[in-house]
């Protein structure tokens, strides 16, 4: 009970720090890693460790599923070449380079253990990368590649992790067999994930109608996909990713508006708690981890941590330039279709932050071998993983905005694309009203058409810069935002009236809560409607 209390209090503290990180625009993943360090030096805290067997089950499925859900399939497919090169080629290249350095530097480091360390630290983290790059105005294609890389490289890194772990625990490893098994479990995992996704899609579409049940079902889906794939010894990671991509693509067919609002809120909380828990756990274990490597000198472990981190960072730059430039040199079709800005290659190389997946993989290492002996150098592997995460998050994460300013990369704005999409939606809706609703009552027709004409007229007078339209036309102020802000201000007036009725006990609480929810949803819609570019 005492341990549970400690974890809850730490979650409360991290939640408060999250508020500060948002207020002062400080990347939250860096806050998490600093919290882990702070927790480790607080005297008197107990060592709390989850069973390694359940670390993956608790953390991986929801984290991967959430990342897959937020990825656009069309954008993912369009960028499949650079994503594949980074998510498979770069992961294997990083794993090999780290293994070579670790084997050469560290006493008693075997090749399987060195490759295990390489597999753990090779995949960058999507949450870390997007959190650090948020608000920097990066090109959407670059963001897509970063997110897609993080999706697929988790699979390639964790599959390699399992083979390296098997080589340590079973004592045998045959390269060609591993290669064939890699292909088999990958294809089978994807196929199983798609099969589960289609089954879930049918259940949602034909049977589910209650938002609470739908959201609960959505929360259980990644666990079902992962556990079923692992039961048949397929890739649970790829099963979860393929399930998430398929259901995300079909989400408009299976969710009601109530379910969507509820699901996004629930998942935001779940992912926040899981990310926080991982770093709380590493903080509570870090002191014992450091005690477990006390046989090595302080200078040695510091040197190893720095060198492994340097290799992880340098290898990414070594890989990125040939992987991007060679296809452009050899393929005319790629040159015509894609514009290559070398500054984006620097940003991509600088965005290789490691995070929660690497930490979860390190914590999931078994404590003992099958014969009861301790797992070799487990504490050292966890320590080196933590060093890589700290180095990449702090060094790369904090300096990335400065790098973008030095490179003079103009912020990319999606405001024009949003403008065009909104205009198309409103225009086609007005066309539908004129073509199909002409027989309804004149007053009703006039009112409903007026609503969409007001939207259309506001869109024509937004605060977008004139050069977005390519014709030099000067737009009139920020009328679109002013109109939305005026409505938000009036919503606050409505809330004040509700508050007064509540204090005087002049109306039913259920009615007040219902109207409050309506006002909350309306304010959310208006806030999202405003342009912030």
Protein backbone atom coordinates (compact mmCIF):
# COMPACT_ATOMS: atom_id res chain seq x y z
CA UNK A 1 0.00 0.00 0.00
CA UNK A 2 2.88 2.35 0.80
CA UNK A 3 4.37 1.80 -2.67
CA UNK A 4 1.05 2.59 -4.35
CA UNK A 5 0.81 5.81 -2.33
CA UNK A 6 4.31 6.85 -3.38
CA UNK A 7 3.56 6.26 -7.07
CA UNK A 8 0.28 8.19 -6.88
CA UNK A 9 1.97 11.14 -5.18
CA UNK A 10 4.69 11.14 -7.82
CA UNK A 11 2.08 11.08 -10.59
CA UNK A 12 0.48 14.08 -8.91
CA UNK A 13 3.84 15.88 -8.89
CA UNK A 14 4.52 15.07 -12.54
CA UNK A 15 1.05 16.33 -13.45
CA UNK A 16 1.87 19.65 -11.81
CA UNK A 17 5.20 19.81 -13.66
CA UNK A 18 3.32 19.11 -16.90
CA UNK A 19 1.27 22.24 -16.27
CA UNK A 20 4.47 24.24 -15.86
CA UNK A 21 6.04 22.68 -18.97
CA UNK A 22 3.07 23.75 -21.07
CA UNK A 23 2.98 27.21 -19.57
CA UNK A 24 6.67 27.81 -20.23
CA UNK A 25 6.77 25.74 -23.46
CA UNK A 26 9.35 23.28 -22.17
CA UNK A 27 9.24 19.79 -23.81
CA UNK A 28 7.47 17.38 -21.47
CA UNK A 29 9.64 14.30 -22.31
CA UNK A 30 12.63 16.23 -20.99
CA UNK A 31 10.66 17.00 -17.82
CA UNK A 32 10.02 13.25 -17.44
CA UNK A 33 13.66 12.27 -17.74
CA UNK A 34 14.67 14.99 -15.25
CA UNK A 35 11.95 13.71 -12.89
CA UNK A 36 13.43 10.22 -13.17
CA UNK A 37 16.85 11.56 -12.12
CA UNK A 38 15.33 13.58 -9.28
CA UNK A 39 13.37 10.59 -7.96
CA UNK A 40 16.53 8.46 -7.95
CA UNK A 41 18.37 10.84 -5.61
CA UNK A 42 15.56 11.30 -3.06
CA UNK A 43 16.68 9.35 0.03
CA UNK A 44 14.40 6.77 1.63
CA UNK A 45 12.32 5.88 -1.41
CA UNK A 46 11.80 2.14 -1.94
CA UNK A 47 12.91 0.21 -5.01
CA UNK A 48 9.73 -0.62 -6.95
CA UNK A 49 10.01 -2.86 -9.98
CA UNK A 50 7.30 -4.43 -12.09
CA UNK A 51 7.77 -8.01 -13.17
CA UNK A 52 9.73 -7.89 -16.46
CA UNK A 53 7.20 -10.23 -18.07
CA UNK A 54 4.39 -7.70 -17.74
CA UNK A 55 6.27 -4.47 -18.55
CA UNK A 56 5.74 -4.94 -22.28
CA UNK A 57 2.12 -5.98 -21.82
CA UNK A 58 1.24 -2.89 -19.77
CA UNK A 59 3.15 -0.22 -21.68
CA UNK A 60 3.78 -1.23 -25.29
CA UNK A 61 0.29 -2.00 -26.72
CA UNK A 62 -1.40 1.30 -25.76
CA UNK A 63 1.65 3.44 -26.60
CA UNK A 64 2.05 1.86 -30.05
CA UNK A 65 -1.68 1.87 -30.74
CA UNK A 66 -1.98 5.55 -29.88
CA UNK A 67 0.93 6.43 -32.18
CA UNK A 68 -0.58 4.36 -35.02
CA UNK A 69 -3.99 5.95 -34.49
CA UNK A 70 -2.61 9.47 -34.96
CA UNK A 71 -0.77 8.52 -38.17
CA UNK A 72 -2.40 9.22 -41.54
CA UNK A 73 -2.38 6.10 -43.72
CA UNK A 74 -2.24 8.17 -46.93
CA UNK A 75 0.73 10.19 -45.71
CA UNK A 76 2.38 7.06 -44.31
CA UNK A 77 2.01 5.27 -47.67
CA UNK A 78 3.31 8.29 -49.61
CA UNK A 79 6.46 8.38 -47.47
CA UNK A 80 6.96 4.60 -47.23
CA UNK A 81 10.43 4.66 -48.87
CA UNK A 82 12.17 7.07 -46.45
CA UNK A 83 10.22 5.56 -43.54
CA UNK A 84 11.39 2.05 -44.45
CA UNK A 85 14.99 3.14 -44.93
CA UNK A 86 15.01 4.82 -41.52
CA UNK A 87 12.87 2.31 -39.64
CA UNK A 88 14.64 -0.83 -40.83
CA UNK A 89 17.99 0.10 -42.35
CA UNK A 90 18.89 2.77 -39.81
CA UNK A 91 17.77 0.62 -36.87
CA UNK A 92 19.94 -2.30 -37.98
CA UNK A 93 22.85 0.03 -38.75
CA UNK A 94 22.56 1.71 -35.31
CA UNK A 95 22.23 -1.64 -33.56
CA UNK A 96 25.36 -2.96 -35.26
CA UNK A 97 27.40 0.19 -34.56
CA UNK A 98 26.38 0.26 -30.89
CA UNK A 99 27.11 -3.46 -30.56
CA UNK A 100 30.58 -3.02 -32.04
CA UNK A 101 31.48 -0.14 -29.74
CA UNK A 102 29.99 -1.79 -26.64
CA UNK A 103 31.77 -5.09 -27.34
CA UNK A 104 35.09 -3.28 -27.87
CA UNK A 105 34.83 -1.04 -24.80
CA UNK A 106 33.13 -2.95 -22.01
CA UNK A 107 34.81 -5.88 -20.23
CA UNK A 108 32.91 -9.20 -20.31
CA UNK A 109 30.46 -7.82 -22.89
CA UNK A 110 29.42 -10.67 -25.21
CA UNK A 111 28.22 -10.17 -28.78
CA UNK A 112 24.60 -11.18 -28.02
CA UNK A 113 24.50 -8.76 -25.07
CA UNK A 114 26.06 -6.01 -27.17
CA UNK A 115 23.45 -6.52 -29.90
CA UNK A 116 20.74 -6.54 -27.22
CA UNK A 117 21.89 -3.11 -26.03
CA UNK A 118 21.96 -1.91 -29.65
CA UNK A 119 18.43 -3.15 -30.25
CA UNK A 120 17.15 -1.36 -27.13
CA UNK A 121 18.62 2.07 -27.96
CA UNK A 122 18.19 1.97 -31.75
CA UNK A 123 14.53 3.04 -32.19
CA UNK A 124 13.74 6.77 -31.70
CA UNK A 125 10.54 7.64 -29.89
CA UNK A 126 7.56 9.21 -31.69
CA UNK A 127 6.19 10.93 -28.59
CA UNK A 128 9.56 12.49 -27.76
CA UNK A 129 10.17 13.68 -31.32
CA UNK A 130 6.71 15.19 -31.85
CA UNK A 131 6.68 16.81 -28.40
CA UNK A 132 10.00 18.52 -29.01
CA UNK A 133 9.18 19.55 -32.60
CA UNK A 134 5.64 20.73 -31.80
CA UNK A 135 5.14 24.37 -32.70
CA UNK A 136 8.39 24.62 -34.69
CA UNK A 137 6.56 24.76 -38.03
CA UNK A 138 8.32 21.76 -39.60
CA UNK A 139 7.23 20.50 -43.00
CA UNK A 140 4.33 18.00 -42.64
CA UNK A 141 6.18 15.43 -44.77
CA UNK A 142 9.13 15.56 -42.36
CA UNK A 143 6.76 15.10 -39.41
CA UNK A 144 5.13 12.15 -41.21
CA UNK A 145 8.53 10.51 -41.77
CA UNK A 146 9.51 11.02 -38.12
CA UNK A 147 6.23 9.56 -36.84
CA UNK A 148 6.20 6.72 -39.38
CA UNK A 149 9.81 5.87 -38.60
CA UNK A 150 9.01 5.66 -34.91
CA UNK A 151 6.09 3.33 -35.61
CA UNK A 152 7.96 0.84 -37.75
CA UNK A 153 11.34 1.04 -36.06
CA UNK A 154 9.77 0.02 -32.77
CA UNK A 155 8.85 -3.21 -34.53
CA UNK A 156 12.26 -3.81 -36.14
CA UNK A 157 14.10 -2.82 -32.96
CA UNK A 158 11.96 -4.95 -30.65
CA UNK A 159 12.04 -7.97 -32.94
CA UNK A 160 15.85 -7.69 -32.97
CA UNK A 161 15.67 -7.29 -29.19
CA UNK A 162 13.82 -10.60 -28.85
CA UNK A 163 16.32 -12.45 -31.04
CA UNK A 164 19.27 -11.04 -29.09
CA UNK A 165 17.52 -11.96 -25.83
CA UNK A 166 16.91 -15.48 -27.12
CA UNK A 167 20.56 -15.81 -28.08
CA UNK A 168 21.55 -14.90 -24.50
CA UNK A 169 19.02 -17.09 -22.71
CA UNK A 170 19.07 -20.08 -25.10
CA UNK A 171 22.72 -19.78 -26.05
CA UNK A 172 22.26 -20.31 -29.79
CA UNK A 173 21.74 -18.04 -32.80
CA UNK A 174 21.76 -18.86 -36.52
CA UNK A 175 21.71 -15.79 -38.77
CA UNK A 176 19.83 -17.24 -41.75
CA UNK A 177 17.20 -18.81 -39.51
CA UNK A 178 16.77 -15.52 -37.68
CA UNK A 179 16.35 -13.71 -41.01
CA UNK A 180 13.67 -16.14 -42.21
CA UNK A 181 11.88 -16.02 -38.86
CA UNK A 182 12.05 -12.21 -38.92
CA UNK A 183 10.17 -12.15 -42.23
CA UNK A 184 7.67 -14.78 -41.10
CA UNK A 185 6.73 -13.25 -37.77
CA UNK A 186 6.57 -9.76 -39.34
CA UNK A 187 4.22 -10.79 -42.15
CA UNK A 188 2.16 -12.99 -39.83
CA UNK A 189 1.95 -10.21 -37.24
CA UNK A 190 0.70 -7.71 -39.81
CA UNK A 191 -1.83 -10.20 -41.20
CA UNK A 192 -3.13 -11.09 -37.76
CA UNK A 193 -3.33 -7.41 -36.78
CA UNK A 194 -5.37 -6.61 -39.89
CA UNK A 195 -7.64 -9.60 -39.24
CA UNK A 196 -8.28 -8.46 -35.67
CA UNK A 197 -8.83 -4.90 -36.89
CA UNK A 198 -11.47 -6.03 -39.37
CA UNK A 199 -13.24 -8.06 -36.69
CA UNK A 200 -13.20 -5.08 -34.31
CA UNK A 201 -14.47 -2.89 -37.14
CA UNK A 202 -17.46 -5.20 -37.69
CA UNK A 203 -18.23 -5.34 -33.96
CA UNK A 204 -18.14 -1.55 -33.67
CA UNK A 205 -20.25 -1.03 -36.76
CA UNK A 206 -22.92 -3.68 -36.17
CA UNK A 207 -23.23 -4.08 -32.41
CA UNK A 208 -21.83 -1.19 -30.38
CA UNK A 209 -23.90 1.94 -29.85
CA UNK A 210 -23.04 3.15 -26.33
CA UNK A 211 -20.11 5.62 -26.17
CA UNK A 212 -18.76 4.24 -22.87
CA UNK A 213 -18.73 0.67 -24.20
CA UNK A 214 -17.18 1.81 -27.49
CA UNK A 215 -14.34 3.64 -25.74
CA UNK A 216 -13.77 0.67 -23.41
CA UNK A 217 -13.63 -1.63 -26.43
CA UNK A 218 -11.15 0.71 -28.10
CA UNK A 219 -8.94 0.69 -25.02
CA UNK A 220 -8.90 -3.14 -24.91
CA UNK A 221 -8.23 -3.58 -28.64
CA UNK A 222 -4.41 -3.07 -28.61
CA UNK A 223 -4.01 -5.51 -25.72
CA UNK A 224 -6.08 -8.14 -27.54
CA UNK A 225 -4.08 -7.68 -30.74
CA UNK A 226 -0.71 -7.82 -28.94
CA UNK A 227 -1.50 -10.81 -26.70
CA UNK A 228 -3.03 -12.88 -29.49
CA UNK A 229 -0.05 -12.26 -31.78
CA UNK A 230 2.44 -13.07 -29.03
CA UNK A 231 0.49 -16.25 -28.20
CA UNK A 232 1.17 -17.53 -31.73
CA UNK A 233 4.78 -16.21 -31.58
CA UNK A 234 4.12 -13.51 -34.18
CA UNK A 235 5.17 -9.87 -33.89
CA UNK A 236 2.84 -8.32 -31.34
CA UNK A 237 4.28 -4.89 -32.11
CA UNK A 238 3.42 -5.07 -35.82
CA UNK A 239 0.02 -6.56 -35.01
CA UNK A 240 -0.82 -3.56 -32.80
CA UNK A 241 0.51 -1.05 -35.36
CA UNK A 242 -1.45 -2.59 -38.26
CA UNK A 243 -4.60 -2.78 -36.12
CA UNK A 244 -4.24 0.87 -35.17
CA UNK A 245 -3.60 2.05 -38.74
CA UNK A 246 -6.60 0.13 -40.12
CA UNK A 247 -9.08 1.25 -37.46
CA UNK A 248 -7.82 4.84 -37.59
CA UNK A 249 -8.46 4.87 -41.35
CA UNK A 250 -12.02 3.56 -40.77
CA UNK A 251 -12.75 5.52 -37.59
CA UNK A 252 -15.25 7.82 -39.29
CA UNK A 253 -17.42 4.78 -40.07
CA UNK A 254 -17.52 3.22 -36.62
CA UNK A 255 -17.56 6.04 -34.06
CA UNK A 256 -20.30 8.46 -33.14
CA UNK A 257 -19.35 12.06 -32.31
CA UNK A 258 -19.85 11.31 -28.61
CA UNK A 259 -17.53 8.29 -28.77
CA UNK A 260 -14.86 10.26 -30.60
CA UNK A 261 -14.82 13.08 -28.06
CA UNK A 262 -14.72 10.64 -25.16
CA UNK A 263 -12.11 8.35 -26.76
CA UNK A 264 -9.61 11.13 -27.44
CA UNK A 265 -9.95 12.43 -23.89
CA UNK A 266 -9.52 8.98 -22.36
CA UNK A 267 -6.52 8.14 -24.53
CA UNK A 268 -4.78 11.43 -23.77
CA UNK A 269 -5.00 10.62 -20.06
CA UNK A 270 -3.88 7.00 -20.53
CA UNK A 271 -0.80 7.92 -22.58
CA UNK A 272 0.14 10.68 -20.16
CA UNK A 273 -0.05 8.30 -17.19
CA UNK A 274 1.87 5.50 -18.93
CA UNK A 275 4.70 7.80 -20.02
CA UNK A 276 4.92 9.19 -16.51
CA UNK A 277 4.87 5.73 -14.91
CA UNK A 278 7.81 4.48 -16.98
CA UNK A 279 10.07 7.26 -15.76
CA UNK A 280 8.80 6.98 -12.19
CA UNK A 281 9.74 3.29 -12.28
CA UNK A 282 13.19 3.95 -13.69
CA UNK A 283 13.70 6.68 -11.07
CA UNK A 284 12.78 4.26 -8.28
CA UNK A 285 15.15 1.63 -9.70
CA UNK A 286 18.04 3.85 -10.73
CA UNK A 287 19.72 3.85 -7.32
CA UNK A 288 19.77 0.05 -7.21
CA UNK A 289 20.92 -0.01 -10.84
CA UNK A 290 23.87 2.22 -9.97
CA UNK A 291 24.68 0.00 -7.00
CA UNK A 292 24.58 -2.97 -9.35
CA UNK A 293 27.36 -1.50 -11.50
CA UNK A 294 29.54 -0.42 -8.58
CA UNK A 295 32.17 -2.97 -9.66
CA UNK A 296 33.11 -0.57 -12.47
CA UNK A 297 34.84 2.74 -11.83
CA UNK A 298 32.77 5.94 -12.07
CA UNK A 299 34.97 7.26 -14.86
CA UNK A 300 34.46 4.07 -16.88
CA UNK A 301 30.66 4.03 -16.69
CA UNK A 302 30.51 7.75 -17.49
CA UNK A 303 32.79 7.24 -20.49
CA UNK A 304 30.75 4.27 -21.74
CA UNK A 305 27.49 6.19 -21.41
CA UNK A 306 28.90 9.17 -23.31
CA UNK A 307 30.45 7.08 -26.07
CA UNK A 308 27.35 4.91 -26.63
CA UNK A 309 25.23 8.08 -26.75
CA UNK A 310 27.66 9.70 -29.20
CA UNK A 311 27.52 6.65 -31.46
CA UNK A 312 23.71 6.66 -31.44
CA UNK A 313 23.66 10.35 -32.42
CA UNK A 314 26.47 10.19 -35.00
CA UNK A 315 25.25 7.05 -36.76
CA UNK A 316 21.94 8.72 -37.54
CA UNK A 317 23.68 11.53 -39.43
CA UNK A 318 26.00 9.07 -41.20
CA UNK A 319 22.95 7.13 -42.45
CA UNK A 320 20.60 9.99 -43.28
CA UNK A 321 22.55 11.71 -46.03
CA UNK A 322 23.27 8.69 -48.28
CA UNK A 323 19.78 7.30 -47.67
CA UNK A 324 18.21 10.57 -48.84
CA UNK A 325 20.64 11.64 -51.57
CA UNK A 326 21.27 8.34 -53.40
CA UNK A 327 17.58 7.75 -54.38
CA UNK A 328 17.46 11.34 -55.73
CA UNK A 329 20.61 10.78 -57.76
CA UNK A 330 19.58 7.47 -59.32
CA UNK A 331 15.84 8.04 -59.86
CA UNK A 332 14.47 10.78 -62.08
CA UNK A 333 10.93 10.01 -60.93
CA UNK A 334 11.88 10.68 -57.29
CA UNK A 335 13.59 13.96 -58.27
CA UNK A 336 10.47 15.12 -60.10
CA UNK A 337 8.08 14.07 -57.34
CA UNK A 338 10.00 15.13 -54.22
CA UNK A 339 11.83 18.34 -53.40
CA UNK A 340 14.99 17.71 -51.40
CA UNK A 341 15.88 20.39 -48.87
CA UNK A 342 19.17 19.42 -47.23
CA UNK A 343 18.28 21.51 -44.21
CA UNK A 344 15.46 19.07 -43.47
CA UNK A 345 18.05 16.27 -43.40
CA UNK A 346 19.85 18.09 -40.59
CA UNK A 347 16.57 18.46 -38.70
CA UNK A 348 15.74 14.78 -39.27
CA UNK A 349 19.16 13.75 -37.99
CA UNK A 350 18.75 16.04 -34.98
CA UNK A 351 15.34 14.54 -34.15
CA UNK A 352 16.56 11.10 -33.09
CA UNK A 353 15.38 11.38 -29.49
CA UNK A 354 15.00 8.13 -27.55
CA UNK A 355 12.23 7.73 -25.03
CA UNK A 356 9.69 5.52 -23.35
CA UNK A 357 9.91 2.47 -25.66
CA UNK A 358 13.66 2.06 -25.12
CA UNK A 359 13.20 2.51 -21.37
CA UNK A 360 10.38 -0.05 -21.26
CA UNK A 361 12.50 -2.53 -23.23
CA UNK A 362 15.39 -2.14 -20.78
CA UNK A 363 13.11 -2.56 -17.76
CA UNK A 364 11.60 -5.68 -19.35
CA UNK A 365 14.93 -7.56 -19.30
CA UNK A 366 14.62 -10.70 -17.17
CA UNK A 367 16.19 -10.58 -13.73
CA UNK A 368 17.39 -14.19 -13.80
CA UNK A 369 18.27 -16.79 -16.43
CA UNK A 370 16.54 -20.14 -16.82
CA UNK A 371 19.10 -21.81 -14.52
CA UNK A 372 18.45 -19.26 -11.76
CA UNK A 373 21.62 -17.22 -12.29
CA UNK A 374 21.40 -13.46 -12.62
CA UNK A 375 20.92 -12.01 -16.09
CA UNK A 376 24.37 -10.83 -17.23
CA UNK A 377 25.04 -7.08 -16.89
CA UNK A 378 21.32 -6.21 -16.68
CA UNK A 379 21.98 -3.13 -14.54
CA UNK A 380 24.65 -1.90 -16.93
CA UNK A 381 22.31 -2.21 -19.92
CA UNK A 382 19.59 -0.26 -18.08
CA UNK A 383 22.12 2.41 -17.08
CA UNK A 384 23.45 2.80 -20.65
CA UNK A 385 19.90 2.99 -22.01
CA UNK A 386 19.12 5.74 -19.53
CA UNK A 387 22.29 7.60 -20.59
CA UNK A 388 21.25 7.47 -24.25
CA UNK A 389 17.75 8.75 -23.43
CA UNK A 390 19.11 11.60 -21.30
CA UNK A 391 21.72 12.57 -23.91
CA UNK A 392 19.38 12.52 -26.89
CA UNK A 393 16.46 14.22 -25.15
CA UNK A 394 18.43 16.93 -23.39
CA UNK A 395 21.18 17.60 -25.95
CA UNK A 396 19.16 17.18 -29.14
CA UNK A 397 15.76 18.18 -27.78
CA UNK A 398 16.82 21.46 -26.20
CA UNK A 399 19.01 22.54 -29.13
CA UNK A 400 16.63 21.60 -31.98
CA UNK A 401 14.77 24.97 -31.98
CA UNK A 402 18.15 26.73 -32.12
CA UNK A 403 19.26 24.51 -35.03
CA UNK A 404 16.08 25.39 -36.95
CA UNK A 405 16.74 29.10 -36.40
CA UNK A 406 20.38 28.76 -37.50
CA UNK A 407 19.30 26.93 -40.68
CA UNK A 408 16.77 29.71 -41.35
CA UNK A 409 13.99 27.24 -42.08
CA UNK A 410 10.79 29.14 -42.71
CA UNK A 411 7.95 27.83 -40.53
CA UNK A 412 5.51 25.76 -42.54
CA UNK A 413 1.87 26.68 -42.01
CA UNK A 414 -1.10 24.42 -42.68
CA UNK A 415 -3.47 27.38 -42.45
CA UNK A 416 -3.99 27.55 -46.21
CA UNK A 417 -4.77 23.84 -46.42
CA UNK A 418 -7.21 24.24 -43.52
CA UNK A 419 -8.77 27.25 -45.25
CA UNK A 420 -9.29 25.32 -48.49
CA UNK A 421 -10.72 22.29 -46.67
CA UNK A 422 -13.16 24.40 -44.66
CA UNK A 423 -14.21 26.31 -47.79
CA UNK A 424 -14.83 23.10 -49.72
CA UNK A 425 -16.90 21.60 -46.90
CA UNK A 426 -19.06 24.71 -46.54
CA UNK A 427 -19.44 25.26 -50.32
CA UNK A 428 -20.55 21.68 -50.98
CA UNK A 429 -22.94 21.82 -48.03
CA UNK A 430 -24.52 25.00 -49.43
CA UNK A 431 -24.80 23.26 -52.80
CA UNK A 432 -26.55 20.30 -51.16
CA UNK A 433 -29.02 22.67 -49.46
CA UNK A 434 -29.84 24.38 -52.78
CA UNK A 435 -30.18 21.11 -54.71
CA UNK A 436 -32.01 18.91 -52.22
CA UNK A 437 -33.81 21.07 -49.64
CA UNK A 438 -35.71 23.50 -51.85
CA UNK A 439 -39.10 22.02 -50.90
CA UNK A 440 -38.88 22.70 -47.15
CA UNK A 441 -40.51 25.73 -45.56
CA UNK A 442 -39.12 29.04 -46.81
CA UNK A 443 -38.27 30.37 -43.35
CA UNK A 444 -36.52 27.13 -42.35
CA UNK A 445 -34.63 27.02 -45.64
CA UNK A 446 -33.57 30.65 -45.28
CA UNK A 447 -32.34 30.15 -41.72
CA UNK A 448 -30.34 26.99 -42.41
CA UNK A 449 -28.80 28.38 -45.58
CA UNK A 450 -27.95 31.62 -43.80
CA UNK A 451 -25.95 29.68 -41.20
CA UNK A 452 -23.62 28.24 -43.84
CA UNK A 453 -23.44 31.44 -45.85
CA UNK A 454 -22.23 33.24 -42.70
CA UNK A 455 -19.50 30.58 -42.36
CA UNK A 456 -18.53 30.98 -46.02
CA UNK A 457 -18.38 34.77 -45.81
CA UNK A 458 -16.22 34.62 -42.70
CA UNK A 459 -13.85 32.24 -44.46
CA UNK A 460 -13.39 34.78 -47.23
CA UNK A 461 -12.29 37.39 -44.69
CA UNK A 462 -9.88 35.42 -42.52
CA UNK A 463 -6.58 36.66 -41.11
CA UNK A 464 -4.47 34.50 -43.44
CA UNK A 465 -1.55 36.37 -45.04
CA UNK A 466 -2.25 37.59 -48.56
CA UNK A 467 0.62 35.62 -50.13
CA UNK A 468 -1.16 32.35 -49.25
CA UNK A 469 -3.55 33.05 -52.10
CA UNK A 470 -0.91 33.78 -54.69
CA UNK A 471 -2.69 36.83 -56.13
CA UNK A 472 -1.58 39.65 -53.87
CA UNK A 473 -5.08 40.16 -52.51
CA UNK A 474 -5.13 41.87 -49.13
CA UNK A 475 -7.39 40.17 -46.59
CA UNK A 476 -9.43 42.14 -44.14
CA UNK A 477 -8.08 41.73 -40.62
CA UNK A 478 -8.85 38.78 -38.42
CA UNK A 479 -12.64 38.88 -38.63
CA UNK A 480 -12.90 35.08 -38.52
CA UNK A 481 -11.08 34.94 -35.18
CA UNK A 482 -12.91 37.97 -33.81
CA UNK A 483 -16.29 36.40 -34.56
CA UNK A 484 -15.29 33.13 -32.88
CA UNK A 485 -13.84 34.96 -29.88
CA UNK A 486 -17.04 36.99 -29.50
CA UNK A 487 -19.06 33.76 -29.36
CA UNK A 488 -16.66 32.35 -26.74
CA UNK A 489 -17.11 35.50 -24.64
CA UNK A 490 -20.89 35.11 -24.84
CA UNK A 491 -20.60 31.48 -23.80
CA UNK A 492 -18.91 32.70 -20.62
CA UNK A 493 -21.91 34.96 -20.03
CA UNK A 494 -24.17 31.91 -20.34
CA UNK A 495 -21.97 30.06 -17.85
CA UNK A 496 -22.25 32.93 -15.38
CA UNK A 497 -26.04 32.76 -15.60
CA UNK A 498 -25.90 28.98 -14.96
CA UNK A 499 -23.57 29.57 -12.02
CA UNK A 500 -26.00 32.04 -10.47
CA UNK A 501 -28.94 29.63 -10.94
CA UNK A 502 -26.89 26.86 -9.33
CA UNK A 503 -25.94 28.97 -6.31
CA UNK A 504 -29.54 29.97 -5.72
CA UNK A 505 -30.79 26.40 -6.22
CA UNK A 506 -33.32 27.54 -8.82
CA UNK A 507 -32.88 24.67 -11.28
CA UNK A 508 -32.11 20.96 -11.40
CA UNK A 509 -28.42 19.94 -11.28
CA UNK A 510 -28.86 17.46 -14.14
CA UNK A 511 -30.14 20.25 -16.37
CA UNK A 512 -27.20 22.48 -15.39
CA UNK A 513 -24.67 19.72 -16.18
CA UNK A 514 -26.29 19.06 -19.57
CA UNK A 515 -26.21 22.73 -20.59
CA UNK A 516 -22.63 23.03 -19.26
CA UNK A 517 -21.57 20.15 -21.49
CA UNK A 518 -23.23 21.77 -24.50
CA UNK A 519 -21.37 25.01 -23.81
CA UNK A 520 -18.08 23.15 -23.30
CA UNK A 521 -18.43 21.36 -26.63
CA UNK A 522 -19.38 24.57 -28.39
CA UNK A 523 -16.39 26.43 -26.94
CA UNK A 524 -14.11 23.55 -27.94
CA UNK A 525 -15.42 23.74 -31.50
CA UNK A 526 -14.96 27.51 -31.68
CA UNK A 527 -11.43 27.32 -30.24
CA UNK A 528 -10.41 24.71 -32.80
CA UNK A 529 -11.99 26.81 -35.55
CA UNK A 530 -9.77 29.82 -34.88
CA UNK A 531 -6.55 30.40 -36.80
CA UNK A 532 -3.44 30.62 -34.65
CA UNK A 533 -0.79 31.01 -37.32
